[in-house]
């Protein structure tokens, strides 16, 4: 297995709008495949490392098919909702707060 690591440092070169859209598509595809470790800065300024996914096979059945209807939330292009595999719950982070992405093939 290969351990791939991608750093998104604020002091580095900024991504163009096209590159940023490509990065978002790339990360979404990896989240759909399996666990991804994302390091990001929370709104309060603290750093958070989260192992997460959007792969329904990795999300517990209770969380995957809740019997209660959920309120429709306003979709935002600024954040993504993922399942936190360590906290066992849904979380989100802002795209522009990502510092590092890690996953294992």
PDB file of N, CA and C in Angstrom:
ATOM      1  N   UNK A   1       0.841  -1.192   0.000  1.00  0.00           N
ATOM      2  CA  UNK A   1       0.000   0.000   0.000  1.00  0.00           C
ATOM      3  C   UNK A   1       0.876   1.241   0.000  1.00  0.00           C
ATOM      4  N   UNK A   2       0.394   2.249  -0.649  1.00  0.00           N
ATOM      5  CA  UNK A   2       1.116   3.514  -0.709  1.00  0.00           C
ATOM      6  C   UNK A   2       0.428   4.530   0.187  1.00  0.00           C
ATOM      7  N   UNK A   3       1.210   5.287   0.886  1.00  0.00           N
ATOM      8  CA  UNK A   3       0.695   6.363   1.723  1.00  0.00           C
ATOM      9  C   UNK A   3       0.943   7.664   0.972  1.00  0.00           C
ATOM     10  N   UNK A   4      -0.118   8.304   0.521  1.00  0.00           N
ATOM     11  CA  UNK A   4       0.024   9.546  -0.226  1.00  0.00           C
ATOM     12  C   UNK A   4      -0.312  10.714   0.671  1.00  0.00           C
ATOM     13  N   UNK A   5       0.452  11.765   0.537  1.00  0.00           N
ATOM     14  CA  UNK A   5       0.322  12.929   1.395  1.00  0.00           C
ATOM     15  C   UNK A   5       0.304  14.172   0.520  1.00  0.00           C
ATOM     16  N   UNK A   6      -0.659  15.050   0.726  1.00  0.00           N
ATOM     17  CA  UNK A   6      -0.731  16.287  -0.036  1.00  0.00           C
ATOM     18  C   UNK A   6      -0.816  17.437   0.943  1.00  0.00           C
ATOM     19  N   UNK A   7       0.110  18.367   0.842  1.00  0.00           N
ATOM     20  CA  UNK A   7       0.108  19.541   1.706  1.00  0.00           C
ATOM     21  C   UNK A   7      -0.492  20.734   0.977  1.00  0.00           C
ATOM     22  N   UNK A   8      -1.369  21.448   1.651  1.00  0.00           N
ATOM     23  CA  UNK A   8      -1.944  22.677   1.119  1.00  0.00           C
ATOM     24  C   UNK A   8      -1.566  23.781   2.084  1.00  0.00           C
ATOM     25  N   UNK A   9      -0.398  24.349   1.888  1.00  0.00           N
ATOM     26  CA  UNK A   9       0.110  25.341   2.828  1.00  0.00           C
ATOM     27  C   UNK A   9      -0.291  26.744   2.401  1.00  0.00           C
ATOM     28  N   UNK A  10      -0.745  27.571   3.347  1.00  0.00           N
ATOM     29  CA  UNK A  10      -1.157  28.920   2.998  1.00  0.00           C
ATOM     30  C   UNK A  10      -0.029  29.763   2.431  1.00  0.00           C
ATOM     31  N   UNK A  11       1.213  29.472   2.821  1.00  0.00           N
ATOM     32  CA  UNK A  11       2.327  30.280   2.334  1.00  0.00           C
ATOM     33  C   UNK A  11       2.759  29.858   0.930  1.00  0.00           C
ATOM     34  N   UNK A  12       2.226  28.746   0.444  1.00  0.00           N
ATOM     35  CA  UNK A  12       2.579  28.266  -0.887  1.00  0.00           C
ATOM     36  C   UNK A  12       1.793  29.001  -1.962  1.00  0.00           C
ATOM     37  N   UNK A  13       2.027  28.612  -3.209  1.00  0.00           N
ATOM     38  CA  UNK A  13       1.312  29.262  -4.301  1.00  0.00           C
ATOM     39  C   UNK A  13      -0.187  28.982  -4.204  1.00  0.00           C
ATOM     40  N   UNK A  14      -0.980  29.978  -4.525  1.00  0.00           N
ATOM     41  CA  UNK A  14      -2.434  29.839  -4.473  1.00  0.00           C
ATOM     42  C   UNK A  14      -2.916  29.079  -5.702  1.00  0.00           C
ATOM     43  N   UNK A  15      -3.960  28.270  -5.526  1.00  0.00           N
ATOM     44  CA  UNK A  15      -4.538  27.545  -6.639  1.00  0.00           C
ATOM     45  C   UNK A  15      -5.429  28.486  -7.445  1.00  0.00           C
ATOM     46  N   UNK A  16      -5.436  28.308  -8.748  1.00  0.00           N
ATOM     47  CA  UNK A  16      -6.362  29.065  -9.584  1.00  0.00           C
ATOM     48  C   UNK A  16      -7.770  28.509  -9.327  1.00  0.00           C
ATOM     49  N   UNK A  17      -8.776  29.199  -9.792  1.00  0.00           N
ATOM     50  CA  UNK A  17     -10.156  28.734  -9.604  1.00  0.00           C
ATOM     51  C   UNK A  17     -10.346  27.369 -10.255  1.00  0.00           C
ATOM     52  N   UNK A  18      -9.770  27.174 -11.435  1.00  0.00           N
ATOM     53  CA  UNK A  18      -9.867  25.887 -12.135  1.00  0.00           C
ATOM     54  C   UNK A  18      -9.168  24.781 -11.333  1.00  0.00           C
ATOM     55  N   UNK A  19      -7.979  25.059 -10.807  1.00  0.00           N
ATOM     56  CA  UNK A  19      -7.239  24.077 -10.009  1.00  0.00           C
ATOM     57  C   UNK A  19      -7.982  23.737  -8.724  1.00  0.00           C
ATOM     58  N   UNK A  20      -8.605  24.750  -8.103  1.00  0.00           N
ATOM     59  CA  UNK A  20      -9.340  24.537  -6.861  1.00  0.00           C
ATOM     60  C   UNK A  20     -10.563  23.651  -7.108  1.00  0.00           C
ATOM     61  N   UNK A  21     -11.272  23.872  -8.220  1.00  0.00           N
ATOM     62  CA  UNK A  21     -12.416  23.022  -8.569  1.00  0.00           C
ATOM     63  C   UNK A  21     -11.963  21.591  -8.814  1.00  0.00           C
ATOM     64  N   UNK A  22     -10.821  21.436  -9.467  1.00  0.00           N
ATOM     65  CA  UNK A  22     -10.268  20.107  -9.728  1.00  0.00           C
ATOM     66  C   UNK A  22      -9.883  19.421  -8.412  1.00  0.00           C
ATOM     67  N   UNK A  23      -9.281  20.178  -7.485  1.00  0.00           N
ATOM     68  CA  UNK A  23      -8.919  19.633  -6.178  1.00  0.00           C
ATOM     69  C   UNK A  23     -10.166  19.155  -5.429  1.00  0.00           C
ATOM     70  N   UNK A  24     -11.236  19.960  -5.438  1.00  0.00           N
ATOM     71  CA  UNK A  24     -12.472  19.580  -4.749  1.00  0.00           C
ATOM     72  C   UNK A  24     -13.040  18.290  -5.334  1.00  0.00           C
ATOM     73  N   UNK A  25     -13.042  18.187  -6.650  1.00  0.00           N
ATOM     74  CA  UNK A  25     -13.540  16.981  -7.311  1.00  0.00           C
ATOM     75  C   UNK A  25     -12.676  15.776  -6.937  1.00  0.00           C
ATOM     76  N   UNK A  26     -11.347  15.990  -6.925  1.00  0.00           N
ATOM     77  CA  UNK A  26     -10.403  14.935  -6.572  1.00  0.00           C
ATOM     78  C   UNK A  26     -10.652  14.439  -5.144  1.00  0.00           C
ATOM     79  N   UNK A  27     -10.776  15.378  -4.196  1.00  0.00           N
ATOM     80  CA  UNK A  27     -10.972  14.982  -2.798  1.00  0.00           C
ATOM     81  C   UNK A  27     -12.316  14.284  -2.605  1.00  0.00           C
ATOM     82  N   UNK A  28     -13.367  14.789  -3.231  1.00  0.00           N
ATOM     83  CA  UNK A  28     -14.679  14.131  -3.130  1.00  0.00           C
ATOM     84  C   UNK A  28     -14.602  12.690  -3.611  1.00  0.00           C
ATOM     85  N   UNK A  29     -13.880  12.450  -4.691  1.00  0.00           N
ATOM     86  CA  UNK A  29     -13.769  11.079  -5.216  1.00  0.00           C
ATOM     87  C   UNK A  29     -13.037  10.169  -4.234  1.00  0.00           C
ATOM     88  N   UNK A  30     -12.013  10.683  -3.563  1.00  0.00           N
ATOM     89  CA  UNK A  30     -11.293   9.875  -2.577  1.00  0.00           C
ATOM     90  C   UNK A  30     -12.150   9.624  -1.335  1.00  0.00           C
ATOM     91  N   UNK A  31     -12.945  10.597  -0.927  1.00  0.00           N
ATOM     92  CA  UNK A  31     -13.848  10.419   0.216  1.00  0.00           C
ATOM     93  C   UNK A  31     -14.915   9.370  -0.093  1.00  0.00           C
ATOM     94  N   UNK A  32     -15.362   9.298  -1.345  1.00  0.00           N
ATOM     95  CA  UNK A  32     -16.357   8.301  -1.745  1.00  0.00           C
ATOM     96  C   UNK A  32     -15.765   6.899  -1.774  1.00  0.00           C
ATOM     97  N   UNK A  33     -14.456   6.808  -1.978  1.00  0.00           N
ATOM     98  CA  UNK A  33     -13.778   5.515  -2.056  1.00  0.00           C
ATOM     99  C   UNK A  33     -13.482   4.930  -0.684  1.00  0.00           C
ATOM    100  N   UNK A  34     -12.957   5.736   0.229  1.00  0.00           N
ATOM    101  CA  UNK A  34     -12.577   5.206   1.531  1.00  0.00           C
ATOM    102  C   UNK A  34     -12.129   6.295   2.473  1.00  0.00           C
ATOM    103  N   UNK A  35     -11.517   5.906   3.587  1.00  0.00           N
ATOM    104  CA  UNK A  35     -11.089   6.885   4.592  1.00  0.00           C
ATOM    105  C   UNK A  35     -10.020   7.840   4.070  1.00  0.00           C
ATOM    106  N   UNK A  36     -10.163   9.096   4.434  1.00  0.00           N
ATOM    107  CA  UNK A  36      -9.201  10.144   4.119  1.00  0.00           C
ATOM    108  C   UNK A  36      -8.934  10.896   5.419  1.00  0.00           C
ATOM    109  N   UNK A  37      -7.684  11.198   5.694  1.00  0.00           N
ATOM    110  CA  UNK A  37      -7.346  12.000   6.872  1.00  0.00           C
ATOM    111  C   UNK A  37      -7.134  13.429   6.396  1.00  0.00           C
ATOM    112  N   UNK A  38      -7.952  14.329   6.935  1.00  0.00           N
ATOM    113  CA  UNK A  38      -7.907  15.729   6.538  1.00  0.00           C
ATOM    114  C   UNK A  38      -7.487  16.566   7.746  1.00  0.00           C
ATOM    115  N   UNK A  39      -6.487  17.390   7.557  1.00  0.00           N
ATOM    116  CA  UNK A  39      -6.070  18.349   8.579  1.00  0.00           C
ATOM    117  C   UNK A  39      -6.570  19.709   8.113  1.00  0.00           C
ATOM    118  N   UNK A  40      -7.282  20.394   9.004  1.00  0.00           N
ATOM    119  CA  UNK A  40      -7.835  21.698   8.634  1.00  0.00           C
ATOM    120  C   UNK A  40      -7.873  22.609   9.849  1.00  0.00           C
ATOM    121  N   UNK A  41      -8.088  23.882   9.595  1.00  0.00           N
ATOM    122  CA  UNK A  41      -8.205  24.868  10.663  1.00  0.00           C
ATOM    123  C   UNK A  41      -9.680  25.099  10.941  1.00  0.00           C
ATOM    124  N   UNK A  42     -10.080  24.891  12.192  1.00  0.00           N
ATOM    125  CA  UNK A  42     -11.475  25.110  12.590  1.00  0.00           C
ATOM    126  C   UNK A  42     -11.772  26.607  12.627  1.00  0.00           C
ATOM    127  N   UNK A  43     -13.048  26.941  12.671  1.00  0.00           N
ATOM    128  CA  UNK A  43     -13.473  28.332  12.702  1.00  0.00           C
ATOM    129  C   UNK A  43     -12.865  29.076  13.888  1.00  0.00           C
ATOM    130  N   UNK A  44     -12.669  28.369  15.018  1.00  0.00           N
ATOM    131  CA  UNK A  44     -12.097  29.015  16.211  1.00  0.00           C
ATOM    132  C   UNK A  44     -10.570  29.188  16.119  1.00  0.00           C
ATOM    133  N   UNK A  45      -9.962  28.728  15.008  1.00  0.00           N
ATOM    134  CA  UNK A  45      -8.529  28.890  14.809  1.00  0.00           C
ATOM    135  C   UNK A  45      -7.695  27.682  15.202  1.00  0.00           C
ATOM    136  N   UNK A  46      -8.300  26.711  15.881  1.00  0.00           N
ATOM    137  CA  UNK A  46      -7.542  25.520  16.278  1.00  0.00           C
ATOM    138  C   UNK A  46      -7.434  24.549  15.093  1.00  0.00           C
ATOM    139  N   UNK A  47      -6.412  23.696  15.161  1.00  0.00           N
ATOM    140  CA  UNK A  47      -6.201  22.719  14.106  1.00  0.00           C
ATOM    141  C   UNK A  47      -6.921  21.431  14.464  1.00  0.00           C
ATOM    142  N   UNK A  48      -7.483  20.773  13.463  1.00  0.00           N
ATOM    143  CA  UNK A  48      -8.213  19.526  13.678  1.00  0.00           C
ATOM    144  C   UNK A  48      -7.743  18.512  12.651  1.00  0.00           C
ATOM    145  N   UNK A  49      -7.532  17.279  13.084  1.00  0.00           N
ATOM    146  CA  UNK A  49      -7.197  16.174  12.198  1.00  0.00           C
ATOM    147  C   UNK A  49      -8.351  15.196  12.275  1.00  0.00           C
ATOM    148  N   UNK A  50      -8.947  14.893  11.128  1.00  0.00           N
ATOM    149  CA  UNK A  50     -10.148  14.053  11.114  1.00  0.00           C
ATOM    150  C   UNK A  50     -10.017  12.962  10.055  1.00  0.00           C
ATOM    151  N   UNK A  51     -10.281  11.721  10.476  1.00  0.00           N
ATOM    152  CA  UNK A  51     -10.371  10.618   9.529  1.00  0.00           C
ATOM    153  C   UNK A  51     -11.831  10.529   9.119  1.00  0.00           C
ATOM    154  N   UNK A  52     -12.094  10.711   7.833  1.00  0.00           N
ATOM    155  CA  UNK A  52     -13.484  10.832   7.407  1.00  0.00           C
ATOM    156  C   UNK A  52     -13.728  10.159   6.062  1.00  0.00           C
ATOM    157  N   UNK A  53     -15.013  10.053   5.704  1.00  0.00           N
ATOM    158  CA  UNK A  53     -15.413   9.422   4.453  1.00  0.00           C
ATOM    159  C   UNK A  53     -16.824   9.863   4.088  1.00  0.00           C
ATOM    160  N   UNK A  54     -17.204   9.572   2.844  1.00  0.00           N
ATOM    161  CA  UNK A  54     -18.602   9.676   2.429  1.00  0.00           C
ATOM    162  C   UNK A  54     -19.054   8.330   1.850  1.00  0.00           C
ATOM    163  N   UNK A  55     -18.212   7.300   1.995  1.00  0.00           N
ATOM    164  CA  UNK A  55     -18.509   5.961   1.499  1.00  0.00           C
ATOM    165  C   UNK A  55     -19.552   5.308   2.411  1.00  0.00           C
ATOM    166  N   UNK A  56     -20.741   5.056   1.875  1.00  0.00           N
ATOM    167  CA  UNK A  56     -21.842   4.510   2.683  1.00  0.00           C
ATOM    168  C   UNK A  56     -21.515   3.142   3.283  1.00  0.00           C
ATOM    169  N   UNK A  57     -20.605   2.388   2.675  1.00  0.00           N
ATOM    170  CA  UNK A  57     -20.220   1.082   3.215  1.00  0.00           C
ATOM    171  C   UNK A  57     -19.408   1.204   4.497  1.00  0.00           C
ATOM    172  N   UNK A  58     -18.823   2.372   4.745  1.00  0.00           N
ATOM    173  CA  UNK A  58     -18.004   2.588   5.944  1.00  0.00           C
ATOM    174  C   UNK A  58     -18.758   3.338   7.042  1.00  0.00           C
ATOM    175  N   UNK A  59     -19.974   3.747   6.739  1.00  0.00           N
ATOM    176  CA  UNK A  59     -20.788   4.499   7.703  1.00  0.00           C
ATOM    177  C   UNK A  59     -21.758   3.523   8.373  1.00  0.00           C
ATOM    178  N   UNK A  60     -21.820   3.514   9.708  1.00  0.00           N
ATOM    179  CA  UNK A  60     -22.722   2.588  10.404  1.00  0.00           C
ATOM    180  C   UNK A  60     -24.159   2.717   9.900  1.00  0.00           C
ATOM    181  N   UNK A  61     -24.846   1.606   9.860  1.00  0.00           N
ATOM    182  CA  UNK A  61     -26.214   1.541   9.343  1.00  0.00           C
ATOM    183  C   UNK A  61     -27.141   2.560  10.010  1.00  0.00           C
ATOM    184  N   UNK A  62     -26.999   2.749  11.320  1.00  0.00           N
ATOM    185  CA  UNK A  62     -27.848   3.693  12.050  1.00  0.00           C
ATOM    186  C   UNK A  62     -27.675   5.100  11.489  1.00  0.00           C
ATOM    187  N   UNK A  63     -26.435   5.490  11.221  1.00  0.00           N
ATOM    188  CA  UNK A  63     -26.162   6.823  10.683  1.00  0.00           C
ATOM    189  C   UNK A  63     -26.513   6.915   9.206  1.00  0.00           C
ATOM    190  N   UNK A  64     -26.382   5.797   8.519  1.00  0.00           N
ATOM    191  CA  UNK A  64     -26.587   5.768   7.084  1.00  0.00           C
ATOM    192  C   UNK A  64     -28.065   5.870   6.709  1.00  0.00           C
ATOM    193  N   UNK A  65     -28.941   5.270   7.519  1.00  0.00           N
ATOM    194  CA  UNK A  65     -30.376   5.257   7.217  1.00  0.00           C
ATOM    195  C   UNK A  65     -31.158   5.632   8.459  1.00  0.00           C
ATOM    196  N   UNK A  66     -31.090   6.872   8.823  1.00  0.00           N
ATOM    197  CA  UNK A  66     -31.806   7.361   9.992  1.00  0.00           C
ATOM    198  C   UNK A  66     -33.307   7.294   9.741  1.00  0.00           C
ATOM    199  N   UNK A  67     -34.064   6.883  10.742  1.00  0.00           N
ATOM    200  CA  UNK A  67     -35.511   6.766  10.584  1.00  0.00           C
ATOM    201  C   UNK A  67     -36.204   8.129  10.648  1.00  0.00           C
ATOM    202  N   UNK A  68     -35.534   9.105  11.255  1.00  0.00           N
ATOM    203  CA  UNK A  68     -36.125  10.438  11.337  1.00  0.00           C
ATOM    204  C   UNK A  68     -35.792  11.246  10.100  1.00  0.00           C
ATOM    205  N   UNK A  69     -36.796  11.928   9.555  1.00  0.00           N
ATOM    206  CA  UNK A  69     -36.483  12.782   8.406  1.00  0.00           C
ATOM    207  C   UNK A  69     -35.616  13.952   8.844  1.00  0.00           C
ATOM    208  N   UNK A  70     -34.622  14.252   8.040  1.00  0.00           N
ATOM    209  CA  UNK A  70     -33.723  15.347   8.390  1.00  0.00           C
ATOM    210  C   UNK A  70     -34.233  16.640   7.786  1.00  0.00           C
ATOM    211  N   UNK A  71     -33.945  17.728   8.492  1.00  0.00           N
ATOM    212  CA  UNK A  71     -34.274  19.032   7.956  1.00  0.00           C
ATOM    213  C   UNK A  71     -33.362  19.291   6.767  1.00  0.00           C
ATOM    214  N   UNK A  72     -33.945  19.871   5.734  1.00  0.00           N
ATOM    215  CA  UNK A  72     -33.148  20.203   4.554  1.00  0.00           C
ATOM    216  C   UNK A  72     -32.245  21.386   4.873  1.00  0.00           C
ATOM    217  N   UNK A  73     -30.942  21.158   4.789  1.00  0.00           N
ATOM    218  CA  UNK A  73     -29.980  22.216   5.064  1.00  0.00           C
ATOM    219  C   UNK A  73     -29.602  22.900   3.765  1.00  0.00           C
ATOM    220  N   UNK A  74     -29.280  24.156   3.883  1.00  0.00           N
ATOM    221  CA  UNK A  74     -28.833  24.914   2.729  1.00  0.00           C
ATOM    222  C   UNK A  74     -27.464  24.389   2.299  1.00  0.00           C
ATOM    223  N   UNK A  75     -27.352  23.995   1.024  1.00  0.00           N
ATOM    224  CA  UNK A  75     -26.086  23.508   0.493  1.00  0.00           C
ATOM    225  C   UNK A  75     -25.119  24.672   0.350  1.00  0.00           C
ATOM    226  N   UNK A  76     -23.876  24.424   0.695  1.00  0.00           N
ATOM    227  CA  UNK A  76     -22.850  25.444   0.589  1.00  0.00           C
ATOM    228  C   UNK A  76     -21.695  24.911  -0.238  1.00  0.00           C
ATOM    229  N   UNK A  77     -21.204  25.726  -1.134  1.00  0.00           N
ATOM    230  CA  UNK A  77     -20.024  25.350  -1.902  1.00  0.00           C
ATOM    231  C   UNK A  77     -18.758  25.621  -1.107  1.00  0.00           C
ATOM    232  N   UNK A  78     -18.890  26.240   0.050  1.00  0.00           N
ATOM    233  CA  UNK A  78     -17.734  26.614   0.857  1.00  0.00           C
ATOM    234  C   UNK A  78     -17.319  25.517   1.842  1.00  0.00           C
ATOM    235  N   UNK A  79     -18.194  24.512   2.043  1.00  0.00           N
ATOM    236  CA  UNK A  79     -17.905  23.453   3.012  1.00  0.00           C
ATOM    237  C   UNK A  79     -18.381  22.111   2.462  1.00  0.00           C
ATOM    238  N   UNK A  80     -17.864  21.049   3.052  1.00  0.00           N
ATOM    239  CA  UNK A  80     -18.277  19.692   2.694  1.00  0.00           C
ATOM    240  C   UNK A  80     -18.642  18.945   3.971  1.00  0.00           C
ATOM    241  N   UNK A  81     -19.693  18.136   3.903  1.00  0.00           N
ATOM    242  CA  UNK A  81     -20.119  17.315   5.026  1.00  0.00           C
ATOM    243  C   UNK A  81     -19.587  15.901   4.820  1.00  0.00           C
ATOM    244  N   UNK A  82     -18.964  15.357   5.869  1.00  0.00           N
ATOM    245  CA  UNK A  82     -18.360  14.031   5.823  1.00  0.00           C
ATOM    246  C   UNK A  82     -18.706  13.282   7.105  1.00  0.00           C
ATOM    247  N   UNK A  83     -18.494  11.980   7.094  1.00  0.00           N
ATOM    248  CA  UNK A  83     -18.695  11.182   8.300  1.00  0.00           C
ATOM    249  C   UNK A  83     -17.356  11.020   8.994  1.00  0.00           C
ATOM    250  N   UNK A  84     -17.266  11.466  10.257  1.00  0.00           N
ATOM    251  CA  UNK A  84     -16.052  11.355  11.065  1.00  0.00           C
ATOM    252  C   UNK A  84     -16.003   9.946  11.634  1.00  0.00           C
ATOM    253  N   UNK A  85     -15.037   9.155  11.196  1.00  0.00           N
ATOM    254  CA  UNK A  85     -14.952   7.749  11.590  1.00  0.00           C
ATOM    255  C   UNK A  85     -14.515   7.548  13.034  1.00  0.00           C
ATOM    256  N   UNK A  86     -13.873   8.540  13.643  1.00  0.00           N
ATOM    257  CA  UNK A  86     -13.451   8.398  15.034  1.00  0.00           C
ATOM    258  C   UNK A  86     -14.507   8.931  15.997  1.00  0.00           C
ATOM    259  N   UNK A  87     -15.189   9.998  15.620  1.00  0.00           N
ATOM    260  CA  UNK A  87     -16.231  10.568  16.478  1.00  0.00           C
ATOM    261  C   UNK A  87     -17.590   9.924  16.204  1.00  0.00           C
ATOM    262  N   UNK A  88     -17.662   9.098  15.152  1.00  0.00           N
ATOM    263  CA  UNK A  88     -18.908   8.431  14.770  1.00  0.00           C
ATOM    264  C   UNK A  88     -20.067   9.403  14.592  1.00  0.00           C
ATOM    265  N   UNK A  89     -19.843  10.394  13.766  1.00  0.00           N
ATOM    266  CA  UNK A  89     -20.903  11.358  13.499  1.00  0.00           C
ATOM    267  C   UNK A  89     -20.571  12.222  12.297  1.00  0.00           C
ATOM    268  N   UNK A  90     -21.576  12.922  11.818  1.00  0.00           N
ATOM    269  CA  UNK A  90     -21.406  13.801  10.662  1.00  0.00           C
ATOM    270  C   UNK A  90     -20.763  15.104  11.096  1.00  0.00           C
ATOM    271  N   UNK A  91     -19.782  15.541  10.328  1.00  0.00           N
ATOM    272  CA  UNK A  91     -19.068  16.790  10.572  1.00  0.00           C
ATOM    273  C   UNK A  91     -18.862  17.487   9.230  1.00  0.00           C
ATOM    274  N   UNK A  92     -18.416  18.719   9.289  1.00  0.00           N
ATOM    275  CA  UNK A  92     -18.095  19.421   8.052  1.00  0.00           C
ATOM    276  C   UNK A  92     -16.859  20.281   8.259  1.00  0.00           C
ATOM    277  N   UNK A  93     -16.250  20.642   7.158  1.00  0.00           N
ATOM    278  CA  UNK A  93     -15.124  21.564   7.201  1.00  0.00           C
ATOM    279  C   UNK A  93     -15.177  22.414   5.936  1.00  0.00           C
ATOM    280  N   UNK A  94     -14.570  23.577   6.034  1.00  0.00           N
ATOM    281  CA  UNK A  94     -14.535  24.508   4.912  1.00  0.00           C
ATOM    282  C   UNK A  94     -13.402  24.115   3.965  1.00  0.00           C
ATOM    283  N   UNK A  95     -13.681  24.203   2.682  1.00  0.00           N
ATOM    284  CA  UNK A  95     -12.675  23.877   1.679  1.00  0.00           C
ATOM    285  C   UNK A  95     -11.418  24.715   1.847  1.00  0.00           C
ATOM    286  N   UNK A  96     -11.595  25.995   2.139  1.00  0.00           N
ATOM    287  CA  UNK A  96     -10.441  26.892   2.217  1.00  0.00           C
ATOM    288  C   UNK A  96      -9.653  26.761   3.518  1.00  0.00           C
ATOM    289  N   UNK A  97     -10.100  25.862   4.410  1.00  0.00           N
ATOM    290  CA  UNK A  97      -9.383  25.666   5.676  1.00  0.00           C
ATOM    291  C   UNK A  97      -8.479  24.432   5.660  1.00  0.00           C
ATOM    292  N   UNK A  98      -8.510  23.685   4.567  1.00  0.00           N
ATOM    293  CA  UNK A  98      -7.731  22.444   4.475  1.00  0.00           C
ATOM    294  C   UNK A  98      -6.236  22.762   4.428  1.00  0.00           C
ATOM    295  N   UNK A  99      -5.496  22.055   5.270  1.00  0.00           N
ATOM    296  CA  UNK A  99      -4.042  22.222   5.314  1.00  0.00           C
ATOM    297  C   UNK A  99      -3.322  20.991   4.740  1.00  0.00           C
ATOM    298  N   UNK A 100      -3.920  19.806   4.941  1.00  0.00           N
ATOM    299  CA  UNK A 100      -3.262  18.579   4.497  1.00  0.00           C
ATOM    300  C   UNK A 100      -4.306  17.503   4.264  1.00  0.00           C
ATOM    301  N   UNK A 101      -4.035  16.645   3.279  1.00  0.00           N
ATOM    302  CA  UNK A 101      -4.894  15.505   2.959  1.00  0.00           C
ATOM    303  C   UNK A 101      -4.008  14.269   2.884  1.00  0.00           C
ATOM    304  N   UNK A 102      -4.444  13.200   3.572  1.00  0.00           N
ATOM    305  CA  UNK A 102      -3.680  11.937   3.550  1.00  0.00           C
ATOM    306  C   UNK A 102      -4.650  10.792   3.329  1.00  0.00           C
ATOM    307  N   UNK A 103      -4.206   9.813   2.540  1.00  0.00           N
ATOM    308  CA  UNK A 103      -4.990   8.598   2.381  1.00  0.00           C
ATOM    309  C   UNK A 103      -4.057   7.461   1.992  1.00  0.00           C
ATOM    310  N   UNK A 104      -4.520   6.235   2.162  1.00  0.00           N
ATOM    311  CA  UNK A 104      -3.738   5.049   1.859  1.00  0.00           C
ATOM    312  C   UNK A 104      -4.417   4.311   0.712  1.00  0.00           C
ATOM    313  N   UNK A 105      -3.622   3.941  -0.266  1.00  0.00           N
ATOM    314  CA  UNK A 105      -4.147   3.160  -1.396  1.00  0.00           C
ATOM    315  C   UNK A 105      -4.167   1.695  -1.050  1.00  0.00           C
TER     316      UNK A 105
END
